[in-house]
């Protein structure tokens, strides 16, 4: 028993699709890196900060493995200052 949608249901679906495609309920994000909803765990600035800290940590780890702690020390000092700055700012 396949029931065919009535003309009224079909018109309602088409109307709903047009409303979604028109984008009447969409708004642009306030920040260019903000792709998530505003109730996300991290805002875009914090996300970029954490990614930057991860990159610095990765560079320090690679330098430590290849040349030792003497070469990695300045990068680790930069990481320490960045962590302190994040603690004060955020």
C-alpha atoms as a PDB file:
ATOM      1  CA  UNK A   1       0.000   0.000   0.000  1.00  0.00           C
ATOM      2  CA  UNK A   2       1.944   2.952  -1.185  1.00  0.00           C
ATOM      3  CA  UNK A   3       0.125   6.120  -0.501  1.00  0.00           C
ATOM      4  CA  UNK A   4       0.811   8.975  -2.849  1.00  0.00           C
ATOM      5  CA  UNK A   5       1.435  12.317  -1.155  1.00  0.00           C
ATOM      6  CA  UNK A   6      -1.414  14.686  -1.569  1.00  0.00           C
ATOM      7  CA  UNK A   7      -1.024  17.868  -3.528  1.00  0.00           C
ATOM      8  CA  UNK A   8      -1.091  19.864  -0.287  1.00  0.00           C
ATOM      9  CA  UNK A   9       1.742  17.793   1.287  1.00  0.00           C
ATOM     10  CA  UNK A  10       3.769  18.101  -1.896  1.00  0.00           C
ATOM     11  CA  UNK A  11       3.284  21.883  -1.937  1.00  0.00           C
ATOM     12  CA  UNK A  12       4.298  22.084   1.742  1.00  0.00           C
ATOM     13  CA  UNK A  13       7.509  20.134   1.049  1.00  0.00           C
ATOM     14  CA  UNK A  14       8.346  22.341  -1.914  1.00  0.00           C
ATOM     15  CA  UNK A  15       7.682  25.465   0.165  1.00  0.00           C
ATOM     16  CA  UNK A  16       9.929  24.149   2.941  1.00  0.00           C
ATOM     17  CA  UNK A  17      12.718  23.323   0.472  1.00  0.00           C
ATOM     18  CA  UNK A  18      12.527  26.794  -1.015  1.00  0.00           C
ATOM     19  CA  UNK A  19      12.761  28.364   2.418  1.00  0.00           C
ATOM     20  CA  UNK A  20      15.861  26.354   3.256  1.00  0.00           C
ATOM     21  CA  UNK A  21      17.488  27.054  -0.097  1.00  0.00           C
ATOM     22  CA  UNK A  22      16.673  30.750   0.186  1.00  0.00           C
ATOM     23  CA  UNK A  23      18.716  30.924   3.360  1.00  0.00           C
ATOM     24  CA  UNK A  24      16.324  33.211   5.160  1.00  0.00           C
ATOM     25  CA  UNK A  25      17.338  31.765   8.542  1.00  0.00           C
ATOM     26  CA  UNK A  26      21.085  31.743   7.895  1.00  0.00           C
ATOM     27  CA  UNK A  27      23.440  34.426   9.092  1.00  0.00           C
ATOM     28  CA  UNK A  28      27.133  34.913   8.527  1.00  0.00           C
ATOM     29  CA  UNK A  29      29.528  34.139  11.371  1.00  0.00           C
ATOM     30  CA  UNK A  30      30.914  37.042  13.341  1.00  0.00           C
ATOM     31  CA  UNK A  31      34.469  35.738  13.073  1.00  0.00           C
ATOM     32  CA  UNK A  32      35.956  34.460   9.791  1.00  0.00           C
ATOM     33  CA  UNK A  33      37.200  31.225  11.412  1.00  0.00           C
ATOM     34  CA  UNK A  34      33.924  30.542  13.199  1.00  0.00           C
ATOM     35  CA  UNK A  35      32.345  27.542  11.496  1.00  0.00           C
ATOM     36  CA  UNK A  36      30.835  25.913  14.566  1.00  0.00           C
ATOM     37  CA  UNK A  37      27.805  26.946  16.571  1.00  0.00           C
ATOM     38  CA  UNK A  38      28.467  29.478  19.304  1.00  0.00           C
ATOM     39  CA  UNK A  39      27.878  26.916  22.034  1.00  0.00           C
ATOM     40  CA  UNK A  40      31.083  25.081  21.038  1.00  0.00           C
ATOM     41  CA  UNK A  41      33.706  24.244  23.645  1.00  0.00           C
ATOM     42  CA  UNK A  42      36.312  26.606  22.179  1.00  0.00           C
ATOM     43  CA  UNK A  43      35.859  29.848  20.330  1.00  0.00           C
ATOM     44  CA  UNK A  44      37.888  30.393  17.139  1.00  0.00           C
ATOM     45  CA  UNK A  45      40.626  32.426  18.812  1.00  0.00           C
ATOM     46  CA  UNK A  46      41.190  29.743  21.440  1.00  0.00           C
ATOM     47  CA  UNK A  47      41.230  27.060  18.751  1.00  0.00           C
ATOM     48  CA  UNK A  48      43.957  28.898  16.798  1.00  0.00           C
ATOM     49  CA  UNK A  49      45.913  29.436  20.038  1.00  0.00           C
ATOM     50  CA  UNK A  50      45.833  25.737  20.914  1.00  0.00           C
ATOM     51  CA  UNK A  51      46.812  24.728  17.383  1.00  0.00           C
ATOM     52  CA  UNK A  52      49.751  27.138  17.539  1.00  0.00           C
ATOM     53  CA  UNK A  53      50.872  25.706  20.875  1.00  0.00           C
ATOM     54  CA  UNK A  54      50.643  22.205  19.446  1.00  0.00           C
ATOM     55  CA  UNK A  55      52.792  23.224  16.482  1.00  0.00           C
ATOM     56  CA  UNK A  56      55.413  24.775  18.781  1.00  0.00           C
ATOM     57  CA  UNK A  57      55.429  21.626  20.915  1.00  0.00           C
ATOM     58  CA  UNK A  58      55.853  19.457  17.822  1.00  0.00           C
ATOM     59  CA  UNK A  59      58.781  21.572  16.605  1.00  0.00           C
ATOM     60  CA  UNK A  60      60.398  21.369  20.054  1.00  0.00           C
ATOM     61  CA  UNK A  61      59.964  17.586  20.142  1.00  0.00           C
ATOM     62  CA  UNK A  62      61.509  17.157  16.686  1.00  0.00           C
ATOM     63  CA  UNK A  63      64.436  19.415  17.591  1.00  0.00           C
ATOM     64  CA  UNK A  64      64.962  17.507  20.846  1.00  0.00           C
ATOM     65  CA  UNK A  65      64.987  14.137  19.099  1.00  0.00           C
ATOM     66  CA  UNK A  66      67.370  15.253  16.347  1.00  0.00           C
ATOM     67  CA  UNK A  67      69.830  17.628  18.109  1.00  0.00           C
ATOM     68  CA  UNK A  68      69.082  17.397  21.820  1.00  0.00           C
ATOM     69  CA  UNK A  69      67.856  19.684  24.553  1.00  0.00           C
ATOM     70  CA  UNK A  70      70.291  22.511  23.848  1.00  0.00           C
ATOM     71  CA  UNK A  71      68.703  23.290  20.497  1.00  0.00           C
ATOM     72  CA  UNK A  72      65.162  22.677  21.713  1.00  0.00           C
ATOM     73  CA  UNK A  73      65.522  24.948  24.765  1.00  0.00           C
ATOM     74  CA  UNK A  74      64.701  28.263  23.037  1.00  0.00           C
ATOM     75  CA  UNK A  75      61.609  26.731  21.457  1.00  0.00           C
ATOM     76  CA  UNK A  76      60.552  25.320  24.814  1.00  0.00           C
ATOM     77  CA  UNK A  77      61.066  28.777  26.365  1.00  0.00           C
ATOM     78  CA  UNK A  78      58.786  30.267  23.707  1.00  0.00           C
ATOM     79  CA  UNK A  79      56.250  27.556  24.500  1.00  0.00           C
ATOM     80  CA  UNK A  80      56.476  28.379  28.213  1.00  0.00           C
ATOM     81  CA  UNK A  81      55.907  32.088  27.585  1.00  0.00           C
ATOM     82  CA  UNK A  82      52.988  31.307  25.281  1.00  0.00           C
ATOM     83  CA  UNK A  83      51.415  29.098  27.937  1.00  0.00           C
ATOM     84  CA  UNK A  84      51.842  31.825  30.564  1.00  0.00           C
ATOM     85  CA  UNK A  85      50.375  34.422  28.227  1.00  0.00           C
ATOM     86  CA  UNK A  86      47.405  32.163  27.516  1.00  0.00           C
ATOM     87  CA  UNK A  87      46.862  31.642  31.235  1.00  0.00           C
ATOM     88  CA  UNK A  88      46.822  35.428  31.796  1.00  0.00           C
ATOM     89  CA  UNK A  89      44.747  36.333  28.730  1.00  0.00           C
ATOM     90  CA  UNK A  90      42.205  33.512  28.602  1.00  0.00           C
END
